[in-house]
Amino acid sequence: MLKKINNFKNTLFNLNKQFYTTYSSPIDLPEADIDLDSTNVSTFIQNQSSVIAKPFKNNEILFCKVVNKTLKHETQLCRLFKLETNGIFRTKGVDIFHEHIIHKSNLYLNVSFDVGDRKIDFRRPSLYEFISLKEQQAVSSHFSIITLVPLLLEIGKGSKVLECGTGSGSMSLFLSERIGSEGCLHTFDISKIKAQMGKRAFMEWKYTHDLSSDEKWPANVKFGFMDFNNDNRWCDQMGEFYDAIYLDMSELDKGIQQAYKMLKPDGVLVVNGMHLTQIFKCLNVIEQKNLGLERELIIEPSNRLWELRKIKGSNDPLDWTARLEDRFGEKKKRGGLFFNYWQGFLAKFRKIK
């Protein structure tokens, strides 16, 4: 028995050696571009002028983080505000004039104020921070959605995209960034108010971005409102126009029939269903109506923000606590902090005929 085991080990060793000899030979693999043993690293440093951060301007939207160290654990509160002439930033007994914030941004890259046991930092928000703090409901789960959907849609510069279900306009902004100035995004919502709110969020972000950046945000989004499932006018006029379509609405089984008519051959359709039964209905419609849509994947996005805190007064390297992070004050929003436990399903289809 021992002899058989040794023979088996020798056989595996020989196969492994043969594999690495065959597939890992320098002849078959390209050479590395950077070899620290023989390369002068300075040759890879481009002769570019250093990037100088622009000072803040009036009417620009800023991101503020207030860190409080008075409690047992360090806490932080994040919010957005707009710089205004003669404006005052207020937070729990602390008043900071907007002109002082602007003046300090002319002198330092990092604008911060130490007030007692609190540290107040000001900077320009990222797109995700802007969307998260603008939302009226819990959105910590959106990070995985807004990351996955553009990838699943397979869109890039110059793509033509249709979004049905504008909502707050968060996805519209990320799709707009992806397709660039050469592309176009048409986004619709059944509610006129939501369509207007989505457009307002887009315009606010574009305005504050253009104030501080040399590269302007592309004006590549058109907002509208209609009953996509029952109004055929847009479908009849556009025909097979779109490279990709994203549906985030009720009655997906009806919407998928309209989307199929406007999708180019080999185009991608992604639907966002809160319940798995919605995906079942979509699959049934594709089969019953004989739609040329091939199902590629169905995925359940998962994302949770976690906050890790070191226990004070302990030298044990494992003395940390962990809990769901409430960076954007979601306990007070519709849906609550635990909204991100359940996020629905994304289904991806490709038009094959």
Protein backbone atom coordinates (compact mmCIF):
# COMPACT_ATOMS: atom_id res chain seq x y z
CA MET A 1 0.00 0.00 0.00
CA LEU A 2 2.82 2.39 0.93
CA LYS A 3 4.53 1.59 -2.36
CA LYS A 4 1.39 2.51 -4.30
CA ILE A 5 1.13 5.83 -2.45
CA ASN A 6 4.77 6.66 -3.24
CA ASN A 7 4.27 5.75 -6.90
CA PHE A 8 1.19 8.00 -7.00
CA LYS A 9 3.14 10.91 -5.45
CA ASN A 10 5.95 10.46 -8.01
CA THR A 11 3.41 10.46 -10.83
CA LEU A 12 1.85 13.72 -9.57
CA PHE A 13 5.31 15.28 -9.21
CA ASN A 14 6.25 14.36 -12.77
CA LEU A 15 2.96 15.69 -14.14
CA ASN A 16 3.38 18.95 -12.21
CA LYS A 17 6.95 19.30 -13.43
CA GLN A 18 5.86 18.63 -17.00
CA PHE A 19 3.09 21.24 -16.71
CA TYR A 20 5.41 24.00 -15.51
CA THR A 21 8.03 23.04 -18.07
CA THR A 22 5.45 23.22 -20.87
CA TYR A 23 3.43 26.31 -19.86
CA SER A 24 5.79 28.33 -17.70
CA SER A 25 8.78 28.39 -19.98
CA PRO A 26 10.23 31.87 -20.61
CA ILE A 27 9.87 31.10 -24.31
CA ASP A 28 6.07 30.92 -24.00
CA LEU A 29 5.56 33.85 -21.61
CA PRO A 30 6.27 37.54 -22.25
CA GLU A 31 9.00 39.25 -20.28
CA ALA A 32 8.02 41.47 -17.34
CA ASP A 33 8.10 45.20 -18.08
CA ILE A 34 9.58 46.16 -14.71
CA ASP A 35 12.51 44.31 -13.18
CA LEU A 36 13.71 46.06 -10.03
CA ASP A 37 17.06 44.25 -10.19
CA SER A 38 18.01 45.71 -13.56
CA THR A 39 15.78 48.72 -14.17
CA ASN A 40 16.26 52.33 -13.17
CA VAL A 41 12.92 53.26 -11.63
CA SER A 42 13.36 56.93 -12.54
CA THR A 43 12.93 56.06 -16.23
CA PHE A 44 9.26 55.28 -15.52
CA ILE A 45 8.57 58.67 -13.94
CA GLN A 46 6.98 60.96 -16.50
CA ASN A 47 8.12 64.56 -16.74
CA GLN A 48 4.75 65.99 -15.89
CA SER A 49 3.96 69.12 -13.95
CA SER A 50 2.66 68.43 -10.48
CA VAL A 51 -1.09 68.63 -10.03
CA ILE A 52 -2.11 71.63 -7.97
CA ALA A 53 -5.40 71.38 -6.14
CA LYS A 54 -7.74 74.23 -6.99
CA PRO A 55 -9.11 76.33 -4.13
CA PHE A 56 -12.78 76.06 -3.26
CA LYS A 57 -15.25 78.44 -4.90
CA ASN A 58 -18.62 79.89 -4.00
CA ASN A 59 -21.61 77.75 -5.10
CA GLU A 60 -19.47 74.62 -4.95
CA ILE A 61 -20.79 71.61 -3.02
CA LEU A 62 -18.37 70.30 -0.39
CA PHE A 63 -18.14 67.12 1.64
CA CYS A 64 -17.65 67.58 5.39
CA LYS A 65 -16.58 64.93 7.89
CA VAL A 66 -16.83 65.68 11.60
CA VAL A 67 -14.79 63.31 13.78
CA ASN A 68 -15.65 63.28 17.49
CA LYS A 69 -13.08 61.74 19.86
CA THR A 70 -14.78 62.51 23.15
CA LEU A 71 -16.72 59.24 23.34
CA LYS A 72 -15.36 55.79 24.15
CA HIS A 73 -15.05 55.14 20.42
CA GLU A 74 -14.26 57.61 17.69
CA THR A 75 -17.40 58.62 15.77
CA GLN A 76 -17.84 60.48 12.52
CA LEU A 77 -20.65 62.34 10.80
CA CYS A 78 -20.67 63.16 7.08
CA ARG A 79 -22.77 65.72 5.24
CA LEU A 80 -22.89 67.90 2.14
CA PHE A 81 -23.28 71.67 2.02
CA LYS A 82 -23.01 74.46 -0.52
CA LEU A 83 -20.48 77.30 -0.23
CA GLU A 84 -22.22 80.66 -0.27
CA THR A 85 -21.29 84.29 0.17
CA ASN A 86 -21.63 85.19 3.87
CA GLY A 87 -22.57 81.55 4.55
CA ILE A 88 -21.89 79.82 7.89
CA PHE A 89 -21.25 76.11 8.45
CA ARG A 90 -22.84 75.02 11.75
CA THR A 91 -22.45 71.77 13.65
CA LYS A 92 -23.27 71.33 17.37
CA GLY A 93 -22.12 74.69 18.69
CA VAL A 94 -19.38 75.26 16.10
CA ASP A 95 -19.72 78.03 13.50
CA ILE A 96 -17.26 78.31 10.61
CA PHE A 97 -17.63 81.04 8.01
CA HIS A 98 -17.59 79.82 4.43
CA GLU A 99 -15.08 82.53 3.51
CA HIS A 100 -12.63 81.03 6.06
CA ILE A 101 -12.97 77.62 4.40
CA ILE A 102 -12.32 79.13 0.97
CA HIS A 103 -9.36 81.16 2.28
CA LYS A 104 -7.77 78.12 3.89
CA SER A 105 -8.15 76.12 0.66
CA ASN A 106 -5.92 78.75 -1.01
CA LEU A 107 -3.15 77.98 1.47
CA TYR A 108 -3.34 74.24 2.13
CA LEU A 109 -4.23 71.09 0.23
CA ASN A 110 -6.15 69.69 3.20
CA VAL A 111 -8.73 71.98 4.80
CA SER A 112 -9.42 70.99 8.40
CA PHE A 113 -10.26 72.66 11.69
CA ASP A 114 -9.55 71.31 15.18
CA VAL A 115 -12.23 72.43 17.63
CA GLY A 116 -11.80 70.89 21.06
CA ASP A 117 -12.13 67.13 20.73
CA ARG A 118 -13.57 67.40 17.24
CA LYS A 119 -11.80 67.50 13.91
CA ILE A 120 -13.71 68.93 10.94
CA ASP A 121 -12.43 68.10 7.45
CA PHE A 122 -13.62 69.69 4.22
CA ARG A 123 -13.01 68.37 0.70
CA ARG A 124 -14.73 67.82 -2.60
CA PRO A 125 -17.05 64.79 -2.57
CA SER A 126 -16.64 61.72 -4.68
CA LEU A 127 -19.56 60.82 -6.93
CA TYR A 128 -20.59 57.97 -4.61
CA GLU A 129 -20.52 60.27 -1.55
CA PHE A 130 -22.59 62.86 -3.39
CA ILE A 131 -25.25 60.32 -4.35
CA SER A 132 -25.32 58.61 -0.94
CA LEU A 133 -25.83 61.82 1.00
CA LYS A 134 -28.39 63.15 -1.46
CA GLU A 135 -30.57 60.03 -1.25
CA GLN A 136 -33.68 60.00 0.93
CA GLN A 137 -33.51 56.28 1.63
CA ALA A 138 -30.82 53.86 2.79
CA VAL A 139 -28.35 53.35 -0.05
CA SER A 140 -25.34 51.52 1.34
CA SER A 141 -26.33 48.59 -0.89
CA HIS A 142 -26.12 50.79 -3.99
CA PHE A 143 -22.33 50.56 -4.09
CA SER A 144 -22.43 47.00 -5.41
CA ILE A 145 -25.31 47.81 -7.79
CA ILE A 146 -23.68 50.86 -9.35
CA THR A 147 -20.41 48.96 -9.69
CA LEU A 148 -21.92 45.85 -11.26
CA VAL A 149 -24.52 47.30 -13.63
CA PRO A 150 -22.12 49.28 -15.92
CA LEU A 151 -19.90 46.18 -16.12
CA LEU A 152 -22.81 43.87 -16.92
CA LEU A 153 -24.10 46.28 -19.58
CA GLU A 154 -20.67 46.12 -21.30
CA ILE A 155 -20.78 49.81 -22.13
CA GLY A 156 -17.93 52.19 -22.83
CA LYS A 157 -17.15 55.46 -24.55
CA GLY A 158 -19.71 56.19 -27.24
CA SER A 159 -22.32 53.64 -26.15
CA LYS A 160 -26.04 54.35 -26.56
CA VAL A 161 -27.90 53.36 -23.38
CA LEU A 162 -31.52 53.36 -22.25
CA GLU A 163 -32.42 53.40 -18.54
CA CYS A 164 -36.01 52.80 -17.43
CA GLY A 165 -36.54 53.77 -13.81
CA THR A 166 -34.62 57.00 -13.20
CA GLY A 167 -35.45 57.16 -9.49
CA SER A 168 -33.06 59.52 -7.73
CA GLY A 169 -30.73 59.69 -10.74
CA SER A 170 -27.85 57.90 -9.03
CA MET A 171 -27.41 55.23 -11.70
CA SER A 172 -27.79 57.86 -14.43
CA LEU A 173 -24.71 59.67 -13.15
CA PHE A 174 -22.55 56.56 -13.14
CA LEU A 175 -23.73 55.51 -16.59
CA SER A 176 -23.07 59.03 -17.85
CA GLU A 177 -19.49 58.85 -16.58
CA ARG A 178 -18.98 55.50 -18.29
CA ILE A 179 -20.16 56.42 -21.79
CA GLY A 180 -18.37 59.78 -22.00
CA SER A 181 -19.18 62.73 -24.20
CA GLU A 182 -19.41 60.54 -27.33
CA GLY A 183 -22.22 58.41 -25.88
CA CYS A 184 -25.82 59.15 -25.04
CA LEU A 185 -28.11 58.04 -22.21
CA HIS A 186 -31.90 58.29 -22.33
CA THR A 187 -33.52 57.76 -18.95
CA PHE A 188 -37.26 57.58 -18.21
CA ASP A 189 -39.43 57.29 -15.15
CA ILE A 190 -43.17 56.80 -14.86
CA SER A 191 -43.23 59.65 -12.32
CA LYS A 192 -42.67 63.18 -13.61
CA ILE A 193 -41.45 64.30 -10.17
CA LYS A 194 -38.80 61.56 -10.03
CA ALA A 195 -37.62 62.41 -13.53
CA GLN A 196 -37.25 66.07 -12.47
CA MET A 197 -35.45 65.10 -9.25
CA GLY A 198 -33.06 62.91 -11.20
CA LYS A 199 -32.31 65.73 -13.61
CA ARG A 200 -31.75 68.16 -10.73
CA ALA A 201 -29.25 65.80 -9.08
CA PHE A 202 -27.42 65.42 -12.41
CA MET A 203 -27.28 69.18 -12.96
CA GLU A 204 -26.07 69.84 -9.39
CA TRP A 205 -23.24 67.34 -9.74
CA LYS A 206 -22.25 68.58 -13.21
CA TYR A 207 -22.20 72.19 -12.02
CA THR A 208 -20.06 71.58 -8.93
CA HIS A 209 -17.76 69.23 -10.88
CA ASP A 210 -17.20 71.77 -13.65
CA LEU A 211 -16.31 74.47 -11.12
CA SER A 212 -13.30 72.53 -9.88
CA SER A 213 -12.21 70.46 -12.88
CA ASP A 214 -10.56 71.36 -16.17
CA GLU A 215 -12.37 68.45 -17.83
CA LYS A 216 -16.08 69.19 -17.99
CA TRP A 217 -18.66 66.56 -17.10
CA PRO A 218 -20.32 65.36 -20.34
CA ALA A 219 -23.82 66.65 -21.10
CA ASN A 220 -24.88 63.27 -22.44
CA VAL A 221 -28.13 62.51 -20.56
CA LYS A 222 -31.73 63.23 -21.59
CA PHE A 223 -34.42 62.84 -18.91
CA GLY A 224 -38.05 62.05 -19.59
CA PHE A 225 -41.19 60.55 -18.06
CA MET A 226 -43.56 58.01 -19.57
CA ASP A 227 -45.29 54.72 -18.88
CA PHE A 228 -42.68 52.54 -20.57
CA ASN A 229 -44.78 49.37 -20.39
CA ASN A 230 -47.90 50.82 -22.04
CA ASP A 231 -46.66 53.70 -24.21
CA ASN A 232 -45.26 52.48 -27.55
CA ARG A 233 -44.44 55.87 -29.09
CA TRP A 234 -40.77 55.94 -28.07
CA CYS A 235 -40.30 52.30 -29.00
CA ASP A 236 -41.83 52.76 -32.45
CA GLN A 237 -39.69 55.82 -33.23
CA MET A 238 -36.32 54.55 -31.95
CA GLY A 239 -36.31 51.00 -33.31
CA GLU A 240 -33.12 48.97 -32.66
CA PHE A 241 -31.13 51.95 -31.44
CA TYR A 242 -29.55 51.02 -28.10
CA ASP A 243 -26.38 49.08 -27.35
CA ALA A 244 -27.56 48.36 -23.80
CA ILE A 245 -30.76 48.73 -21.75
CA TYR A 246 -31.18 48.75 -17.97
CA LEU A 247 -34.61 48.14 -16.43
CA ASP A 248 -35.21 49.01 -12.77
CA MET A 249 -38.98 49.21 -12.35
CA SER A 250 -42.13 47.25 -11.58
CA GLU A 251 -43.69 44.79 -14.06
CA LEU A 252 -40.37 43.82 -15.59
CA ASP A 253 -42.07 41.09 -17.61
CA LYS A 254 -43.89 43.78 -19.62
CA GLY A 255 -40.90 46.09 -19.89
CA ILE A 256 -38.65 43.35 -21.22
CA GLN A 257 -40.87 42.98 -24.31
CA GLN A 258 -40.53 46.70 -25.11
CA ALA A 259 -36.80 46.68 -24.42
CA TYR A 260 -36.28 43.74 -26.78
CA LYS A 261 -37.63 45.78 -29.71
CA MET A 262 -35.18 48.66 -29.10
CA LEU A 263 -32.06 46.59 -28.45
CA LYS A 264 -29.46 46.17 -31.19
CA PRO A 265 -28.43 42.64 -32.20
CA ASP A 266 -25.85 41.36 -29.68
CA GLY A 267 -26.97 44.14 -27.32
CA VAL A 268 -27.19 43.59 -23.56
CA LEU A 269 -30.26 43.86 -21.34
CA VAL A 270 -29.94 43.98 -17.53
CA VAL A 271 -32.99 43.90 -15.25
CA ASN A 272 -33.05 44.68 -11.53
CA GLY A 273 -35.75 42.76 -9.66
CA MET A 274 -36.42 43.09 -5.95
CA HIS A 275 -37.94 39.60 -5.87
CA LEU A 276 -36.83 36.40 -7.55
CA THR A 277 -40.41 35.93 -8.72
CA GLN A 278 -39.93 38.98 -10.99
CA ILE A 279 -37.04 37.19 -12.68
CA PHE A 280 -39.22 34.06 -13.06
CA LYS A 281 -41.85 36.14 -14.87
CA CYS A 282 -39.22 37.57 -17.21
CA LEU A 283 -37.98 34.09 -18.10
CA ASN A 284 -41.53 32.93 -18.74
CA VAL A 285 -42.22 35.86 -21.08
CA ILE A 286 -39.02 35.21 -23.04
CA GLU A 287 -40.10 31.61 -23.55
CA GLN A 288 -43.76 32.30 -24.29
CA LYS A 289 -43.14 35.21 -26.69
CA ASN A 290 -40.15 33.47 -28.26
CA LEU A 291 -37.92 36.51 -27.67
CA GLY A 292 -34.38 36.18 -28.94
CA LEU A 293 -32.81 36.84 -25.54
CA GLU A 294 -30.18 34.51 -24.16
CA ARG A 295 -29.85 34.40 -20.38
CA GLU A 296 -26.21 34.80 -19.37
CA LEU A 297 -26.36 35.12 -15.60
CA ILE A 298 -28.50 35.93 -12.57
CA ILE A 299 -26.64 37.42 -9.64
CA GLU A 300 -27.49 38.64 -6.16
CA PRO A 301 -25.33 41.69 -5.37
CA SER A 302 -23.94 41.77 -1.87
CA ASN A 303 -22.35 44.72 -0.13
CA ARG A 304 -22.11 45.92 3.45
CA LEU A 305 -20.08 48.75 4.88
CA TRP A 306 -18.28 47.61 8.02
CA GLU A 307 -16.76 49.76 10.72
CA LEU A 308 -13.82 48.37 12.72
CA ARG A 309 -12.83 50.03 16.01
CA LYS A 310 -9.77 49.41 18.13
CA ILE A 311 -10.64 48.89 21.80
CA LYS A 312 -8.94 51.63 23.77
CA GLY A 313 -6.59 50.68 26.58
CA SER A 314 -5.87 47.22 25.19
CA ASN A 315 -2.57 46.03 23.74
CA ASP A 316 -3.98 42.81 22.31
CA PRO A 317 -3.67 43.00 18.49
CA LEU A 318 -7.05 41.24 18.14
CA ASP A 319 -8.98 43.59 20.42
CA TRP A 320 -11.16 45.15 17.74
CA THR A 321 -14.93 45.49 17.46
CA ALA A 322 -16.89 45.26 14.21
CA ARG A 323 -20.34 46.49 13.27
CA LEU A 324 -22.25 47.77 10.24
CA GLU A 325 -21.07 51.27 9.44
CA ASP A 326 -23.55 54.15 9.33
CA ARG A 327 -21.39 56.56 7.37
CA PHE A 328 -24.29 58.33 5.69
CA GLY A 329 -26.74 58.51 8.60
CA GLU A 330 -28.94 55.74 7.22
CA LYS A 331 -30.58 54.94 10.56
CA LYS A 332 -32.78 57.99 9.97
CA LYS A 333 -33.53 57.25 6.32
CA ARG A 334 -36.31 55.20 4.79
CA GLY A 335 -35.29 51.55 4.86
CA GLY A 336 -32.89 51.88 7.77
CA LEU A 337 -29.31 50.75 8.22
CA PHE A 338 -30.11 47.08 7.62
CA PHE A 339 -31.59 47.76 4.19
CA ASN A 340 -28.39 46.38 2.68
CA TYR A 341 -29.06 42.86 3.93
CA TRP A 342 -31.37 42.23 0.99
CA GLN A 343 -30.96 43.91 -2.34
CA GLY A 344 -32.76 41.90 -5.00
CA PHE A 345 -31.36 40.26 -8.11
CA LEU A 346 -29.67 41.34 -11.35
CA ALA A 347 -30.32 39.32 -14.48
CA LYS A 348 -28.31 39.75 -17.69
CA PHE A 349 -29.60 38.85 -21.16
CA ARG A 350 -28.10 39.15 -24.66
CA LYS A 351 -30.05 39.65 -27.88
CA ILE A 352 -29.15 36.84 -30.25
CA LYS A 353 -31.78 37.35 -32.96
